Amino acid sequence: MYKLSIVIPVHNEGSYITITLERIAHHVSIDFECIIVMDSTSDTTIPFLESFISKDGRFSYIINSISPGPAGAIKLGIANARGNMIAVVSGDGSDDVSQIETLASLVERGVSVAVASRYMKGGQLVGAPVMKGLISRFAGLSLYYFAFLGTRDATNNFKIYSREFIDSVEIESNFGFEIGLELTTKAKLQKRKIAEIATIWIERTEGESKFPLRKSLKYYLRWYVKAILRIKGFSDK
């Protein structure tokens, strides 16, 4: 059993993945494993992963042949994780992985969901498309002030979860990165502790974003509505 499992969903990141992995290897000193998940054996990330893995056995990859897409990749990574805590990290370098140990320390102190927040004091969203940033900020702040969700950035996937919490819920998301909002909502519904630290998220400088804003909105909206209504005592059933 590892202290921490880091799950990274990727799609054709090519050589860019090594930047993220090198940062993790440099900044994370606690006992960890890192599981990279992709949908196909033809993914351009694989040759660079194999080269990196040959030098550092803490890193491995698996092929997601069950449910393609980010949500499926994250769920498969979680299912294969052997850590007492589970972190979800982007493969494109946008997340500040130097904060992983700070987030992990919150979980060790009894928090079920430790969130890297772009919208609390000291946080920042750098280089993101304007509409994406506005929607994300509105969702995060409105859920914090009106649904008392415990974080100003529930939609950010850069989080660490306690194993005990993850084992207590069924993950329903099947499309994309709305999975982070789902898990934060379920933690609140279970009256679990949620905490956040400020982070600076920087839009990738190489390659193209894999985030389909228009397609993702309806999936985020589903969990946004559930967070607002169910936390205030209503039911969607």
C-alpha atoms as a PDB file:
ATOM      1  CA  MET A   1       0.000   0.000   0.000  1.00  0.00           C
ATOM      2  CA  TYR A   2       1.354   3.381  -1.015  1.00  0.00           C
ATOM      3  CA  LYS A   3       0.819   6.588   0.910  1.00  0.00           C
ATOM      4  CA  LEU A   4      -0.376   8.355  -2.240  1.00  0.00           C
ATOM      5  CA  SER A   5      -1.612   7.359  -5.693  1.00  0.00           C
ATOM      6  CA  ILE A   6      -1.464  10.001  -8.427  1.00  0.00           C
ATOM      7  CA  VAL A   7      -3.836   9.448 -11.358  1.00  0.00           C
ATOM      8  CA  ILE A   8      -3.197  11.285 -14.636  1.00  0.00           C
ATOM      9  CA  PRO A   9      -5.604  10.932 -17.604  1.00  0.00           C
ATOM     10  CA  VAL A  10      -3.876  11.731 -20.912  1.00  0.00           C
ATOM     11  CA  HIS A  11      -4.665  11.869 -24.606  1.00  0.00           C
ATOM     12  CA  ASN A  12      -1.884  12.243 -27.177  1.00  0.00           C
ATOM     13  CA  GLU A  13       0.359  14.402 -25.008  1.00  0.00           C
ATOM     14  CA  GLY A  14       3.502  13.173 -26.767  1.00  0.00           C
ATOM     15  CA  SER A  15       6.776  14.380 -25.223  1.00  0.00           C
ATOM     16  CA  TYR A  16       4.950  17.038 -23.210  1.00  0.00           C
ATOM     17  CA  ILE A  17       4.006  14.447 -20.578  1.00  0.00           C
ATOM     18  CA  THR A  18       7.607  14.222 -19.413  1.00  0.00           C
ATOM     19  CA  ILE A  19       7.453  17.802 -18.089  1.00  0.00           C
ATOM     20  CA  THR A  20       4.642  16.886 -15.699  1.00  0.00           C
ATOM     21  CA  LEU A  21       6.260  13.617 -14.648  1.00  0.00           C
ATOM     22  CA  GLU A  22       9.631  15.249 -14.011  1.00  0.00           C
ATOM     23  CA  ARG A  23       7.957  17.856 -11.821  1.00  0.00           C
ATOM     24  CA  ILE A  24       6.165  15.169  -9.823  1.00  0.00           C
ATOM     25  CA  ALA A  25       9.370  13.165  -9.354  1.00  0.00           C
ATOM     26  CA  HIS A  26      11.149  16.314  -8.189  1.00  0.00           C
ATOM     27  CA  HIS A  27       8.516  17.747  -5.849  1.00  0.00           C
ATOM     28  CA  VAL A  28       6.855  14.680  -4.280  1.00  0.00           C
ATOM     29  CA  SER A  29       9.013  13.044  -1.632  1.00  0.00           C
ATOM     30  CA  ILE A  30       6.369  10.945   0.154  1.00  0.00           C
ATOM     31  CA  ASP A  31       5.854   7.317  -0.872  1.00  0.00           C
ATOM     32  CA  PHE A  32       3.770   7.378  -4.056  1.00  0.00           C
ATOM     33  CA  GLU A  33       2.792   5.647  -7.256  1.00  0.00           C
ATOM     34  CA  CYS A  34       1.750   7.479 -10.412  1.00  0.00           C
ATOM     35  CA  ILE A  35      -0.708   5.868 -12.813  1.00  0.00           C
ATOM     36  CA  ILE A  36      -1.093   7.397 -16.271  1.00  0.00           C
ATOM     37  CA  VAL A  37      -4.224   6.324 -18.170  1.00  0.00           C
ATOM     38  CA  MET A  38      -4.987   6.609 -21.887  1.00  0.00           C
ATOM     39  CA  ASP A  39      -7.586   5.182 -24.265  1.00  0.00           C
ATOM     40  CA  SER A  40      -5.444   3.555 -26.952  1.00  0.00           C
ATOM     41  CA  THR A  41      -2.183   1.719 -27.521  1.00  0.00           C
ATOM     42  CA  SER A  42      -1.562   4.151 -30.396  1.00  0.00           C
ATOM     43  CA  ASP A  43      -1.564   7.190 -28.060  1.00  0.00           C
ATOM     44  CA  THR A  44       1.457   9.382 -28.797  1.00  0.00           C
ATOM     45  CA  THR A  45       2.201   9.623 -25.087  1.00  0.00           C
ATOM     46  CA  ILE A  46       3.271   5.973 -24.761  1.00  0.00           C
ATOM     47  CA  PRO A  47       6.821   6.051 -26.226  1.00  0.00           C
ATOM     48  CA  PHE A  48       7.774   8.911 -23.923  1.00  0.00           C
ATOM     49  CA  LEU A  49       6.128   7.221 -20.950  1.00  0.00           C
ATOM     50  CA  GLU A  50       8.027   4.004 -21.547  1.00  0.00           C
ATOM     51  CA  SER A  51      11.287   5.900 -21.678  1.00  0.00           C
ATOM     52  CA  PHE A  52      10.483   7.683 -18.402  1.00  0.00           C
ATOM     53  CA  ILE A  53       9.163   4.565 -16.643  1.00  0.00           C
ATOM     54  CA  SER A  54      12.346   2.658 -17.449  1.00  0.00           C
ATOM     55  CA  LYS A  55      14.180   5.151 -15.218  1.00  0.00           C
ATOM     56  CA  ASP A  56      11.603   5.505 -12.430  1.00  0.00           C
ATOM     57  CA  GLY A  57       9.510   2.524 -11.379  1.00  0.00           C
ATOM     58  CA  ARG A  58       7.056   4.639  -9.403  1.00  0.00           C
ATOM     59  CA  PHE A  59       5.389   5.538 -12.701  1.00  0.00           C
ATOM     60  CA  SER A  60       3.253   3.175 -14.805  1.00  0.00           C
ATOM     61  CA  TYR A  61       0.506   3.356 -17.408  1.00  0.00           C
ATOM     62  CA  ILE A  62      -2.634   1.424 -18.278  1.00  0.00           C
ATOM     63  CA  ILE A  63      -4.905   1.388 -21.326  1.00  0.00           C
ATOM     64  CA  ASN A  64      -8.516   2.354 -20.769  1.00  0.00           C
ATOM     65  CA  SER A  65     -10.431  -0.047 -22.996  1.00  0.00           C
ATOM     66  CA  ILE A  66     -13.570  -0.023 -20.827  1.00  0.00           C
ATOM     67  CA  SER A  67     -15.008   3.509 -21.025  1.00  0.00           C
ATOM     68  CA  PRO A  68     -13.073   5.951 -23.247  1.00  0.00           C
ATOM     69  CA  GLY A  69     -12.721   9.581 -22.226  1.00  0.00           C
ATOM     70  CA  PRO A  70     -11.437  11.527 -19.214  1.00  0.00           C
ATOM     71  CA  ALA A  71     -14.029  10.274 -16.711  1.00  0.00           C
ATOM     72  CA  GLY A  72     -13.429   6.663 -17.693  1.00  0.00           C
ATOM     73  CA  ALA A  73      -9.666   7.157 -17.460  1.00  0.00           C
ATOM     74  CA  ILE A  74      -9.893   8.733 -14.003  1.00  0.00           C
ATOM     75  CA  LYS A  75     -12.222   5.989 -12.753  1.00  0.00           C
ATOM     76  CA  LEU A  76      -9.928   3.255 -14.073  1.00  0.00           C
ATOM     77  CA  GLY A  77      -6.938   4.938 -12.477  1.00  0.00           C
ATOM     78  CA  ILE A  78      -8.762   5.148  -9.149  1.00  0.00           C
ATOM     79  CA  ALA A  79      -9.815   1.492  -9.421  1.00  0.00           C
ATOM     80  CA  ASN A  80      -6.169   0.480  -9.866  1.00  0.00           C
ATOM     81  CA  ALA A  81      -4.774   2.849  -7.233  1.00  0.00           C
ATOM     82  CA  ARG A  82      -3.166   1.340  -4.140  1.00  0.00           C
ATOM     83  CA  GLY A  83      -2.653   4.488  -2.104  1.00  0.00           C
ATOM     84  CA  ASN A  84      -4.253   5.688   1.122  1.00  0.00           C
ATOM     85  CA  MET A  85      -4.859   8.976  -0.696  1.00  0.00           C
ATOM     86  CA  ILE A  86      -5.687   9.541  -4.373  1.00  0.00           C
ATOM     87  CA  ALA A  87      -4.679  12.629  -6.329  1.00  0.00           C
ATOM     88  CA  VAL A  88      -6.012  13.574  -9.758  1.00  0.00           C
ATOM     89  CA  VAL A  89      -3.603  15.652 -11.825  1.00  0.00           C
ATOM     90  CA  SER A  90      -3.725  17.006 -15.364  1.00  0.00           C
ATOM     91  CA  GLY A  91      -1.119  15.720 -17.806  1.00  0.00           C
ATOM     92  CA  ASP A  92      -0.687  19.024 -19.624  1.00  0.00           C
ATOM     93  CA  GLY A  93       1.359  20.868 -17.016  1.00  0.00           C
ATOM     94  CA  SER A  94      -1.383  23.302 -15.984  1.00  0.00           C
ATOM     95  CA  ASP A  95      -1.551  22.085 -12.372  1.00  0.00           C
ATOM     96  CA  ASP A  96       1.111  23.120  -9.861  1.00  0.00           C
ATOM     97  CA  VAL A  97       2.266  19.679  -8.757  1.00  0.00           C
ATOM     98  CA  SER A  98       4.630  21.232  -6.217  1.00  0.00           C
ATOM     99  CA  GLN A  99       1.482  21.590  -4.074  1.00  0.00           C
ATOM    100  CA  ILE A 100       0.695  17.873  -3.989  1.00  0.00           C
ATOM    101  CA  GLU A 101       2.315  17.325  -0.607  1.00  0.00           C
ATOM    102  CA  THR A 102       0.502  20.329   0.894  1.00  0.00           C
ATOM    103  CA  LEU A 103      -2.819  18.929  -0.287  1.00  0.00           C
ATOM    104  CA  ALA A 104      -1.872  15.476   1.003  1.00  0.00           C
ATOM    105  CA  SER A 105      -1.099  16.911   4.438  1.00  0.00           C
ATOM    106  CA  LEU A 106      -4.684  18.199   4.646  1.00  0.00           C
ATOM    107  CA  VAL A 107      -6.035  14.712   3.990  1.00  0.00           C
ATOM    108  CA  GLU A 108      -3.692  13.287   6.612  1.00  0.00           C
ATOM    109  CA  ARG A 109      -5.229  15.748   9.072  1.00  0.00           C
ATOM    110  CA  GLY A 110      -8.756  14.414   8.411  1.00  0.00           C
ATOM    111  CA  VAL A 111      -9.963  16.209   5.286  1.00  0.00           C
ATOM    112  CA  SER A 112     -11.785  14.000   2.756  1.00  0.00           C
ATOM    113  CA  VAL A 113     -11.324  16.321  -0.239  1.00  0.00           C
ATOM    114  CA  ALA A 114      -8.366  18.707  -0.500  1.00  0.00           C
ATOM    115  CA  VAL A 115      -8.831  21.185  -3.332  1.00  0.00           C
ATOM    116  CA  ALA A 116      -6.374  23.361  -5.232  1.00  0.00           C
ATOM    117  CA  SER A 117      -8.441  26.531  -5.632  1.00  0.00           C
ATOM    118  CA  ARG A 118      -7.956  29.080  -8.400  1.00  0.00           C
ATOM    119  CA  TYR A 119     -10.624  31.425  -7.035  1.00  0.00           C
ATOM    120  CA  MET A 120      -9.714  31.968  -3.392  1.00  0.00           C
ATOM    121  CA  LYS A 121      -7.354  34.745  -2.292  1.00  0.00           C
ATOM    122  CA  GLY A 122      -3.912  34.067  -3.726  1.00  0.00           C
ATOM    123  CA  GLY A 123      -5.235  31.835  -6.507  1.00  0.00           C
ATOM    124  CA  GLN A 124      -5.205  32.644 -10.199  1.00  0.00           C
ATOM    125  CA  LEU A 125      -6.317  31.332 -13.586  1.00  0.00           C
ATOM    126  CA  VAL A 126      -3.742  32.261 -16.217  1.00  0.00           C
ATOM    127  CA  GLY A 127      -4.164  32.071 -19.986  1.00  0.00           C
ATOM    128  CA  ALA A 128      -7.504  30.244 -20.127  1.00  0.00           C
ATOM    129  CA  PRO A 129     -10.093  31.176 -22.781  1.00  0.00           C
ATOM    130  CA  VAL A 130     -12.311  33.967 -21.466  1.00  0.00           C
ATOM    131  CA  MET A 131     -15.612  32.069 -21.602  1.00  0.00           C
ATOM    132  CA  LYS A 132     -14.139  28.973 -19.963  1.00  0.00           C
ATOM    133  CA  GLY A 133     -12.736  31.110 -17.166  1.00  0.00           C
ATOM    134  CA  LEU A 134     -15.953  33.031 -16.576  1.00  0.00           C
ATOM    135  CA  ILE A 135     -18.118  29.912 -16.413  1.00  0.00           C
ATOM    136  CA  SER A 136     -15.677  28.108 -14.131  1.00  0.00           C
ATOM    137  CA  ARG A 137     -15.347  31.084 -11.781  1.00  0.00           C
ATOM    138  CA  PHE A 138     -19.124  31.633 -11.598  1.00  0.00           C
ATOM    139  CA  ALA A 139     -19.752  27.962 -10.860  1.00  0.00           C
ATOM    140  CA  GLY A 140     -17.088  27.761  -8.202  1.00  0.00           C
ATOM    141  CA  LEU A 141     -18.008  30.928  -6.331  1.00  0.00           C
ATOM    142  CA  SER A 142     -21.775  30.418  -6.519  1.00  0.00           C
ATOM    143  CA  LEU A 143     -21.438  26.882  -5.152  1.00  0.00           C
ATOM    144  CA  TYR A 144     -19.273  28.198  -2.331  1.00  0.00           C
ATOM    145  CA  TYR A 145     -21.592  31.035  -1.299  1.00  0.00           C
ATOM    146  CA  PHE A 146     -25.007  29.513  -2.030  1.00  0.00           C
ATOM    147  CA  ALA A 147     -24.461  25.769  -1.593  1.00  0.00           C
ATOM    148  CA  PHE A 148     -21.757  26.067   1.099  1.00  0.00           C
ATOM    149  CA  LEU A 149     -19.687  23.492  -0.747  1.00  0.00           C
ATOM    150  CA  GLY A 150     -16.521  24.171   1.233  1.00  0.00           C
ATOM    151  CA  THR A 151     -14.379  25.284  -1.705  1.00  0.00           C
ATOM    152  CA  ARG A 152     -14.484  28.150  -4.169  1.00  0.00           C
ATOM    153  CA  ASP A 153     -13.278  25.885  -6.976  1.00  0.00           C
ATOM    154  CA  ALA A 154     -15.313  22.686  -6.990  1.00  0.00           C
ATOM    155  CA  THR A 155     -14.896  22.283 -10.767  1.00  0.00           C
ATOM    156  CA  ASN A 156     -11.096  22.055 -10.611  1.00  0.00           C
ATOM    157  CA  ASN A 157      -9.955  18.437 -10.887  1.00  0.00           C
ATOM    158  CA  PHE A 158      -6.651  19.042  -9.132  1.00  0.00           C
ATOM    159  CA  LYS A 159      -7.678  17.486  -5.830  1.00  0.00           C
ATOM    160  CA  ILE A 160      -6.597  14.806  -3.383  1.00  0.00           C
ATOM    161  CA  TYR A 161      -9.188  12.447  -1.885  1.00  0.00           C
ATOM    162  CA  SER A 162      -8.986  10.156   1.113  1.00  0.00           C
ATOM    163  CA  ARG A 163      -9.206   6.470   0.225  1.00  0.00           C
ATOM    164  CA  GLU A 164     -11.921   5.983   2.830  1.00  0.00           C
ATOM    165  CA  PHE A 165     -14.120   8.598   1.137  1.00  0.00           C
ATOM    166  CA  ILE A 166     -13.501   7.275  -2.390  1.00  0.00           C
ATOM    167  CA  ASP A 167     -14.431   3.759  -1.258  1.00  0.00           C
ATOM    168  CA  SER A 168     -17.699   5.075   0.186  1.00  0.00           C
ATOM    169  CA  VAL A 169     -19.157   6.437  -3.070  1.00  0.00           C
ATOM    170  CA  GLU A 170     -20.106   5.219  -6.507  1.00  0.00           C
ATOM    171  CA  ILE A 171     -18.697   7.460  -9.229  1.00  0.00           C
ATOM    172  CA  GLU A 172     -21.425   8.149 -11.781  1.00  0.00           C
ATOM    173  CA  SER A 173     -19.674  10.496 -14.240  1.00  0.00           C
ATOM    174  CA  ASN A 174     -19.051   8.941 -17.647  1.00  0.00           C
ATOM    175  CA  PHE A 175     -18.049  11.854 -19.866  1.00  0.00           C
ATOM    176  CA  GLY A 176     -15.303  14.147 -18.714  1.00  0.00           C
ATOM    177  CA  PHE A 177     -13.808  16.221 -15.947  1.00  0.00           C
ATOM    178  CA  GLU A 178     -17.124  16.883 -14.212  1.00  0.00           C
ATOM    179  CA  ILE A 179     -16.077  13.969 -12.031  1.00  0.00           C
ATOM    180  CA  GLY A 180     -14.327  16.410  -9.673  1.00  0.00           C
ATOM    181  CA  LEU A 181     -17.542  18.356  -9.112  1.00  0.00           C
ATOM    182  CA  GLU A 182     -19.441  15.114  -8.553  1.00  0.00           C
ATOM    183  CA  LEU A 183     -17.048  13.898  -5.863  1.00  0.00           C
ATOM    184  CA  THR A 184     -16.977  17.268  -4.093  1.00  0.00           C
ATOM    185  CA  THR A 185     -20.778  17.357  -4.081  1.00  0.00           C
ATOM    186  CA  LYS A 186     -20.978  13.833  -2.660  1.00  0.00           C
ATOM    187  CA  ALA A 187     -18.441  14.664   0.033  1.00  0.00           C
ATOM    188  CA  LYS A 188     -20.585  17.614   1.108  1.00  0.00           C
ATOM    189  CA  LEU A 189     -23.720  15.483   1.115  1.00  0.00           C
ATOM    190  CA  GLN A 190     -21.936  13.054   3.429  1.00  0.00           C
ATOM    191  CA  LYS A 191     -21.009  15.983   5.684  1.00  0.00           C
ATOM    192  CA  ARG A 192     -17.323  15.329   5.161  1.00  0.00           C
ATOM    193  CA  LYS A 193     -14.530  17.847   5.562  1.00  0.00           C
ATOM    194  CA  ILE A 194     -13.485  19.789   2.464  1.00  0.00           C
ATOM    195  CA  ALA A 195     -10.548  22.189   2.482  1.00  0.00           C
ATOM    196  CA  GLU A 196      -8.740  24.295  -0.107  1.00  0.00           C
ATOM    197  CA  ILE A 197      -5.429  25.987  -0.761  1.00  0.00           C
ATOM    198  CA  ALA A 198      -4.757  28.712  -3.311  1.00  0.00           C
ATOM    199  CA  THR A 199      -3.214  27.614  -6.598  1.00  0.00           C
ATOM    200  CA  ILE A 200      -2.095  29.274  -9.811  1.00  0.00           C
ATOM    201  CA  TRP A 201      -3.386  27.328 -12.810  1.00  0.00           C
ATOM    202  CA  ILE A 202      -1.598  28.074 -16.082  1.00  0.00           C
ATOM    203  CA  GLU A 203      -3.036  27.164 -19.489  1.00  0.00           C
ATOM    204  CA  ARG A 204      -0.781  24.801 -21.409  1.00  0.00           C
ATOM    205  CA  THR A 205       1.853  26.468 -23.581  1.00  0.00           C
ATOM    206  CA  GLU A 206       2.305  23.569 -26.017  1.00  0.00           C
ATOM    207  CA  GLY A 207      -0.197  21.394 -27.849  1.00  0.00           C
ATOM    208  CA  GLU A 208      -3.952  21.872 -27.774  1.00  0.00           C
ATOM    209  CA  SER A 209      -6.439  21.767 -24.940  1.00  0.00           C
ATOM    210  CA  LYS A 210      -8.471  18.535 -24.791  1.00  0.00           C
ATOM    211  CA  PHE A 211     -11.327  20.214 -22.893  1.00  0.00           C
ATOM    212  CA  PRO A 212     -14.535  20.403 -25.024  1.00  0.00           C
ATOM    213  CA  LEU A 213     -16.346  23.297 -23.353  1.00  0.00           C
ATOM    214  CA  ARG A 214     -19.695  23.077 -25.154  1.00  0.00           C
ATOM    215  CA  LYS A 215     -20.022  19.306 -24.816  1.00  0.00           C
ATOM    216  CA  SER A 216     -19.012  19.411 -21.169  1.00  0.00           C
ATOM    217  CA  LEU A 217     -21.476  22.062 -19.993  1.00  0.00           C
ATOM    218  CA  LYS A 218     -24.505  19.812 -19.656  1.00  0.00           C
ATOM    219  CA  TYR A 219     -22.552  17.307 -17.562  1.00  0.00           C
ATOM    220  CA  TYR A 220     -21.249  20.004 -15.241  1.00  0.00           C
ATOM    221  CA  LEU A 221     -24.730  21.536 -15.068  1.00  0.00           C
ATOM    222  CA  ARG A 222     -26.166  18.246 -13.848  1.00  0.00           C
ATOM    223  CA  TRP A 223     -23.899  18.192 -10.806  1.00  0.00           C
ATOM    224  CA  TYR A 224     -24.163  21.933 -10.299  1.00  0.00           C
ATOM    225  CA  VAL A 225     -27.941  21.643  -9.944  1.00  0.00           C
ATOM    226  CA  LYS A 226     -27.633  18.618  -7.646  1.00  0.00           C
ATOM    227  CA  ALA A 227     -25.189  20.500  -5.450  1.00  0.00           C
ATOM    228  CA  ILE A 228     -27.509  23.507  -5.153  1.00  0.00           C
ATOM    229  CA  LEU A 229     -30.761  21.592  -4.646  1.00  0.00           C
ATOM    230  CA  ARG A 230     -29.747  18.505  -2.703  1.00  0.00           C
ATOM    231  CA  ILE A 231     -27.467  20.274  -0.279  1.00  0.00           C
ATOM    232  CA  LYS A 232     -30.317  22.628   0.604  1.00  0.00           C
ATOM    233  CA  GLY A 233     -32.568  19.681   1.393  1.00  0.00           C
ATOM    234  CA  PHE A 234     -34.372  19.146  -1.909  1.00  0.00           C
ATOM    235  CA  SER A 235     -34.292  16.009  -4.015  1.00  0.00           C
ATOM    236  CA  ASP A 236     -33.972  15.411  -7.722  1.00  0.00           C
ATOM    237  CA  LYS A 237     -35.698  12.049  -7.520  1.00  0.00           C
END
